Amino acid sequence: MKNTGLMRSDFPGLTLAGRGKVRDIYSLDSHLLIVATDRISAFDMIMPNPVPGKGEILTRMSAFWFNEMKDIIKNHLVSTNPADFPAVCRPYAEALKGRSMLVRTAKPLAVECVVRGYLSGSGWKDYLQNRTVSGITLPEGLRESDKLPQPIFTPSTKAAEGEHDMAIARKEMENIIGREITEQVITASLAVYKKAAEIAAAAGIIIADTKMEFGLLEDGELILIDELLTPDSSRFWPRDTYEAGRPQKSFDKQFLRDYLLSIHWNQKPPAPDLPEEIINKTRDKYEEALNRLTKKSPPLS
């Protein structure tokens, strides 16, 4: 695949509100327009090469999960169809098709909301140090990739670009956003993870962990925002090759992380150029996860 992905959107006449690691956000009066580019980040740093088609995959997957979880908690999604967007967006309808969401404006919570069902990644590293993850004491003798006795909620700080999120305990989270909102977030996060894990299991996928974003509407209602249960924000493992006690094959960007570790990149700027093979394989893994979970659902409308 020729690497012609979208690294950066540019829509004259639209008000750019900000650029995240992957998404460009535009302000549209009472709504926001979120454009999923083909940027990809690893170790909290944006890679110099896009992954063509990634933005469309992330948009379809988030829309799928938002719809699946609406009985648990509301979300910010209004439409993924550019025909439904404000008139100012119409000149860019073709560029927006498949990779954009019109969403309600909400105030993001200042914490990352992570649910872990399996012991992997930074959670595994923390466990090795003192048998705890985000202040939660776990049983002795767990191995890498072991399924936890029950899913756990492990919040972290929101770091600036290029910096690393830091795990925090529930008490610290309460100090940041308040006890009542913390309780609502934990309850919703665990419920979403449980339902998603069941849906994924039927598709032959283990969701080892996932990161969610929440926001508050003007009336104080808590809703899901940003993306949901994508390969960017989750660890997806094929169930048929799962074996505790070692790292797992994946349908997410762990493949990219493993490549970067293999070349001994120091995780500091500048990020290295990615070989075409790594770019294409990363996209293939994202696409397989989408097709398995949505059972090749029809295009967004």
Protein backbone atom coordinates (compact mmCIF):
# COMPACT_ATOMS: atom_id res chain seq x y z
CA MET A 1 0.00 0.00 0.00
CA LYS A 2 1.38 3.37 -0.95
CA ASN A 3 1.67 5.55 2.13
CA THR A 4 -0.70 8.41 1.29
CA GLY A 5 -2.58 8.72 4.56
CA LEU A 6 -3.85 11.95 6.08
CA MET A 7 -1.38 13.37 8.60
CA ARG A 8 -3.10 16.70 9.14
CA SER A 9 -6.48 18.13 8.17
CA ASP A 10 -6.88 21.68 6.92
CA PHE A 11 -10.34 23.16 6.36
CA PRO A 12 -10.28 26.92 5.72
CA GLY A 13 -13.38 28.53 7.16
CA LEU A 14 -13.64 26.08 10.03
CA THR A 15 -12.33 27.07 13.46
CA LEU A 16 -9.59 24.73 14.63
CA ALA A 17 -10.00 24.10 18.35
CA GLY A 18 -7.01 21.81 18.74
CA ARG A 19 -5.02 18.86 17.48
CA GLY A 20 -4.59 15.70 19.54
CA LYS A 21 -2.27 12.80 18.88
CA VAL A 22 -4.68 11.45 16.28
CA ARG A 23 -7.72 13.73 16.04
CA ASP A 24 -8.14 17.29 14.78
CA ILE A 25 -11.00 19.13 16.48
CA TYR A 26 -13.01 21.98 14.99
CA SER A 27 -15.48 24.21 16.82
CA LEU A 28 -18.97 24.48 15.28
CA ASP A 29 -21.00 26.71 17.59
CA SER A 30 -22.71 24.29 20.01
CA HIS A 31 -21.01 21.22 18.54
CA LEU A 32 -17.56 19.97 17.68
CA LEU A 33 -16.31 18.30 14.52
CA ILE A 34 -13.79 15.54 15.26
CA VAL A 35 -11.64 14.43 12.34
CA ALA A 36 -9.70 11.19 12.77
CA THR A 37 -6.44 11.53 10.85
CA ASP A 38 -4.13 8.66 9.99
CA ARG A 39 -1.55 9.73 12.56
CA ILE A 40 -0.39 7.07 14.98
CA SER A 41 1.39 7.51 18.28
CA ALA A 42 3.47 5.17 20.40
CA PHE A 43 5.01 5.76 23.79
CA ASP A 44 3.10 9.07 23.88
CA MET A 45 4.79 10.38 20.73
CA ILE A 46 3.39 10.88 17.24
CA MET A 47 5.16 8.89 14.54
CA PRO A 48 6.31 10.75 11.41
CA ASN A 49 4.41 8.43 9.04
CA PRO A 50 0.63 8.02 8.73
CA VAL A 51 -1.14 4.67 8.58
CA PRO A 52 -3.44 5.04 5.54
CA GLY A 53 -7.08 4.29 6.30
CA LYS A 54 -6.58 4.26 10.06
CA GLY A 55 -8.84 7.27 10.62
CA GLU A 56 -11.76 5.57 8.91
CA ILE A 57 -11.21 2.37 10.91
CA LEU A 58 -11.14 4.26 14.21
CA THR A 59 -14.28 6.22 13.33
CA ARG A 60 -16.25 3.12 12.36
CA MET A 61 -15.17 1.25 15.45
CA SER A 62 -15.97 4.08 17.86
CA ALA A 63 -19.39 4.55 16.24
CA PHE A 64 -20.04 0.83 16.61
CA TRP A 65 -19.15 0.82 20.30
CA PHE A 66 -20.98 4.07 21.10
CA ASN A 67 -24.13 2.48 19.70
CA GLU A 68 -23.57 -0.74 21.64
CA MET A 69 -23.08 1.09 24.95
CA LYS A 70 -25.86 3.69 24.75
CA ASP A 71 -28.02 1.64 27.13
CA ILE A 72 -25.27 1.94 29.77
CA ILE A 73 -24.26 5.58 29.31
CA LYS A 74 -24.92 8.31 26.76
CA ASN A 75 -22.17 9.56 24.46
CA HIS A 76 -21.32 12.66 22.47
CA LEU A 77 -21.90 11.27 18.97
CA VAL A 78 -24.53 13.07 16.88
CA SER A 79 -23.70 11.82 13.37
CA THR A 80 -20.92 10.43 11.20
CA ASN A 81 -22.66 11.48 7.98
CA PRO A 82 -21.30 14.75 6.51
CA ALA A 83 -24.78 15.42 5.07
CA ASP A 84 -25.93 15.99 8.65
CA PHE A 85 -23.13 18.42 9.46
CA PRO A 86 -23.58 22.22 9.49
CA ALA A 87 -23.54 23.94 6.10
CA VAL A 88 -20.03 25.33 6.68
CA CYS A 89 -18.71 21.74 6.44
CA ARG A 90 -20.29 20.94 3.09
CA PRO A 91 -17.36 22.06 0.90
CA TYR A 92 -15.28 19.41 2.67
CA ALA A 93 -17.84 16.59 2.64
CA GLU A 94 -15.72 14.26 0.55
CA ALA A 95 -12.64 14.69 2.76
CA LEU A 96 -14.75 14.25 5.91
CA LYS A 97 -16.56 11.14 4.68
CA GLY A 98 -15.78 8.11 6.83
CA ARG A 99 -13.35 9.79 9.18
CA SER A 100 -15.35 12.43 11.03
CA MET A 101 -17.92 12.75 13.80
CA LEU A 102 -20.25 15.61 14.69
CA VAL A 103 -20.43 15.54 18.48
CA ARG A 104 -21.96 17.41 21.38
CA THR A 105 -19.62 19.71 23.25
CA ALA A 106 -18.65 18.47 26.71
CA LYS A 107 -16.04 19.39 29.28
CA PRO A 108 -13.47 16.54 29.35
CA LEU A 109 -12.56 15.09 32.72
CA ALA A 110 -8.92 15.66 33.65
CA VAL A 111 -8.14 11.96 34.13
CA GLU A 112 -7.61 8.92 31.92
CA CYS A 113 -10.05 6.12 32.72
CA VAL A 114 -8.50 2.68 32.24
CA VAL A 115 -10.11 -0.70 32.88
CA ARG A 116 -7.89 -3.78 32.98
CA GLY A 117 -9.16 -7.33 32.69
CA TYR A 118 -5.72 -8.82 32.13
CA LEU A 119 -2.26 -8.03 33.46
CA SER A 120 -0.23 -6.42 30.70
CA GLY A 121 1.69 -3.31 29.70
CA SER A 122 2.32 -0.73 32.40
CA GLY A 123 0.03 -2.65 34.75
CA TRP A 124 2.32 -5.68 34.53
CA LYS A 125 5.37 -3.49 35.18
CA ASP A 126 3.73 -1.95 38.23
CA TYR A 127 2.70 -5.36 39.53
CA LEU A 128 6.28 -6.61 39.33
CA GLN A 129 7.43 -3.75 41.56
CA ASN A 130 5.02 -4.01 44.47
CA ARG A 131 2.04 -6.22 43.48
CA THR A 132 -0.21 -3.19 43.06
CA VAL A 133 -1.71 -1.31 40.11
CA SER A 134 -3.00 2.22 40.75
CA GLY A 135 -3.10 1.46 44.46
CA ILE A 136 -5.03 -1.80 44.02
CA THR A 137 -3.32 -4.81 45.62
CA LEU A 138 -3.46 -7.91 43.43
CA PRO A 139 -2.92 -11.59 44.35
CA GLU A 140 0.59 -13.01 44.48
CA GLY A 141 1.96 -15.19 41.73
CA LEU A 142 0.25 -13.62 38.73
CA ARG A 143 2.00 -13.97 35.38
CA GLU A 144 2.21 -11.58 32.47
CA SER A 145 -1.08 -11.60 30.52
CA ASP A 146 -2.94 -13.44 33.30
CA LYS A 147 -6.66 -12.79 33.52
CA LEU A 148 -7.40 -10.83 36.69
CA PRO A 149 -9.86 -12.22 39.25
CA GLN A 150 -12.13 -9.36 38.20
CA PRO A 151 -11.66 -6.25 36.02
CA ILE A 152 -10.09 -3.30 37.84
CA PHE A 153 -10.35 0.45 37.26
CA THR A 154 -6.90 2.07 37.13
CA PRO A 155 -6.96 5.83 36.47
CA SER A 156 -4.03 7.94 35.37
CA THR A 157 -3.14 11.55 34.76
CA LYS A 158 -3.49 13.19 31.35
CA ALA A 159 0.01 14.03 30.22
CA ALA A 160 1.00 16.66 27.69
CA GLU A 161 2.16 15.48 24.26
CA GLY A 162 5.50 13.68 24.49
CA GLU A 163 5.11 13.04 28.21
CA HIS A 164 3.85 9.88 29.88
CA ASP A 165 0.58 9.42 31.75
CA MET A 166 1.13 8.58 35.40
CA ALA A 167 -0.96 6.01 37.27
CA ILE A 168 -2.89 7.42 40.22
CA ALA A 169 -4.99 5.88 42.98
CA ARG A 170 -8.72 6.39 43.34
CA LYS A 171 -8.22 8.94 46.14
CA GLU A 172 -6.10 11.12 43.86
CA MET A 173 -8.78 10.87 41.18
CA GLU A 174 -11.40 12.01 43.69
CA ASN A 175 -9.21 15.00 44.54
CA ILE A 176 -9.09 15.95 40.85
CA ILE A 177 -12.72 15.47 39.75
CA GLY A 178 -14.67 14.85 42.98
CA ARG A 179 -15.98 11.75 44.73
CA GLU A 180 -19.43 11.66 43.14
CA ILE A 181 -18.17 11.91 39.56
CA THR A 182 -15.43 9.38 40.35
CA GLU A 183 -18.03 6.85 41.47
CA GLN A 184 -20.12 7.44 38.34
CA VAL A 185 -17.07 7.03 36.10
CA ILE A 186 -15.92 3.81 37.74
CA THR A 187 -19.39 2.25 37.59
CA ALA A 188 -19.86 3.18 33.93
CA SER A 189 -16.33 2.14 32.92
CA LEU A 190 -16.60 -1.32 34.44
CA ALA A 191 -20.07 -1.85 32.91
CA VAL A 192 -18.85 -0.80 29.46
CA TYR A 193 -15.80 -3.04 29.71
CA LYS A 194 -17.86 -6.05 30.81
CA LYS A 195 -20.29 -5.72 27.91
CA ALA A 196 -17.50 -5.06 25.40
CA ALA A 197 -15.54 -8.08 26.61
CA GLU A 198 -18.57 -10.30 26.04
CA ILE A 199 -19.13 -8.93 22.53
CA ALA A 200 -15.44 -9.29 21.68
CA ALA A 201 -15.25 -12.84 23.05
CA ALA A 202 -17.95 -13.88 20.58
CA ALA A 203 -15.70 -12.47 17.83
CA GLY A 204 -12.64 -14.37 19.06
CA ILE A 205 -11.02 -11.32 20.64
CA ILE A 206 -9.85 -10.71 24.20
CA ILE A 207 -9.98 -7.08 25.33
CA ALA A 208 -7.08 -7.04 27.78
CA ASP A 209 -7.58 -3.41 28.76
CA THR A 210 -9.01 -0.19 27.42
CA LYS A 211 -8.88 3.54 28.05
CA MET A 212 -12.04 5.63 28.02
CA GLU A 213 -12.70 9.35 28.00
CA PHE A 214 -15.58 11.01 29.82
CA GLY A 215 -16.95 14.54 29.77
CA LEU A 216 -19.65 16.62 31.39
CA LEU A 217 -22.45 18.36 29.51
CA GLU A 218 -23.53 21.83 30.58
CA ASP A 219 -26.17 20.33 32.87
CA GLY A 220 -23.56 18.15 34.57
CA GLU A 221 -24.53 14.89 32.89
CA LEU A 222 -21.66 12.43 32.47
CA ILE A 223 -21.17 11.05 28.95
CA LEU A 224 -18.59 9.12 26.95
CA ILE A 225 -16.50 11.24 24.57
CA ASP A 226 -13.55 11.04 22.17
CA GLU A 227 -13.06 7.45 20.95
CA LEU A 228 -14.21 4.14 22.42
CA LEU A 229 -12.65 0.68 22.42
CA THR A 230 -10.43 1.16 19.38
CA PRO A 231 -7.03 -0.45 18.72
CA ASP A 232 -5.52 2.93 19.65
CA SER A 233 -7.08 2.91 23.11
CA SER A 234 -7.22 -0.82 23.85
CA ARG A 235 -5.29 -4.08 23.80
CA PHE A 236 -7.03 -6.60 21.54
CA TRP A 237 -5.66 -10.16 21.62
CA PRO A 238 -6.70 -13.10 19.41
CA ARG A 239 -8.33 -15.63 21.72
CA ASP A 240 -7.11 -18.66 19.77
CA THR A 241 -3.43 -17.90 20.45
CA TYR A 242 -3.79 -16.61 24.01
CA GLU A 243 -1.46 -18.13 26.57
CA ALA A 244 -0.72 -16.57 29.95
CA GLY A 245 2.88 -16.09 31.03
CA ARG A 246 4.11 -14.24 27.95
CA PRO A 247 3.34 -11.25 25.71
CA GLN A 248 0.45 -11.82 23.28
CA LYS A 249 -0.13 -11.38 19.60
CA SER A 250 -2.41 -8.41 19.08
CA PHE A 251 -4.78 -6.51 16.80
CA ASP A 252 -3.63 -3.14 18.11
CA LYS A 253 -0.61 -0.87 18.09
CA GLN A 254 1.35 -3.17 20.39
CA PHE A 255 2.73 -4.49 17.11
CA LEU A 256 4.15 -1.03 16.44
CA ARG A 257 5.45 -0.70 20.02
CA ASP A 258 7.23 -4.05 19.67
CA TYR A 259 8.89 -2.89 16.46
CA LEU A 260 10.09 0.33 18.11
CA LEU A 261 11.48 -1.65 21.04
CA SER A 262 13.27 -4.00 18.63
CA ILE A 263 15.20 -1.10 17.06
CA HIS A 264 16.09 0.24 20.53
CA TRP A 265 14.56 3.67 20.00
CA ASN A 266 15.09 5.73 23.16
CA GLN A 267 11.48 6.99 23.10
CA LYS A 268 12.65 10.58 22.74
CA PRO A 269 12.31 12.99 19.79
CA PRO A 270 12.69 12.58 16.95
CA ALA A 271 10.54 9.50 16.38
CA PRO A 272 11.96 7.17 13.73
CA ASP A 273 10.55 6.74 10.24
CA LEU A 274 8.45 3.60 9.96
CA PRO A 275 9.12 1.01 7.26
CA GLU A 276 6.29 0.44 4.78
CA GLU A 277 5.95 -3.15 5.99
CA ILE A 278 5.31 -2.04 9.58
CA ILE A 279 2.78 0.57 8.42
CA ASN A 280 0.87 -1.93 6.30
CA LYS A 281 0.86 -4.67 8.94
CA THR A 282 -0.35 -2.21 11.56
CA ARG A 283 -3.25 -1.19 9.35
CA ASP A 284 -4.06 -4.83 8.59
CA LYS A 285 -4.30 -5.61 12.30
CA TYR A 286 -6.61 -2.65 12.92
CA GLU A 287 -8.80 -3.66 10.00
CA GLU A 288 -9.04 -7.28 11.12
CA ALA A 289 -10.17 -6.17 14.58
CA LEU A 290 -12.84 -3.95 13.00
CA ASN A 291 -14.10 -6.70 10.72
CA ARG A 292 -14.22 -9.28 13.49
CA LEU A 293 -16.03 -7.03 15.95
CA THR A 294 -18.51 -5.48 13.57
CA LYS A 295 -18.81 -8.58 11.39
CA LYS A 296 -17.99 -6.43 8.37
CA SER A 297 -20.74 -3.97 9.09
CA PRO A 298 -21.85 -1.62 6.29
CA PRO A 299 -20.13 1.75 5.86
CA LEU A 300 -21.06 4.60 8.17
CA SER A 301 -24.17 6.52 7.24
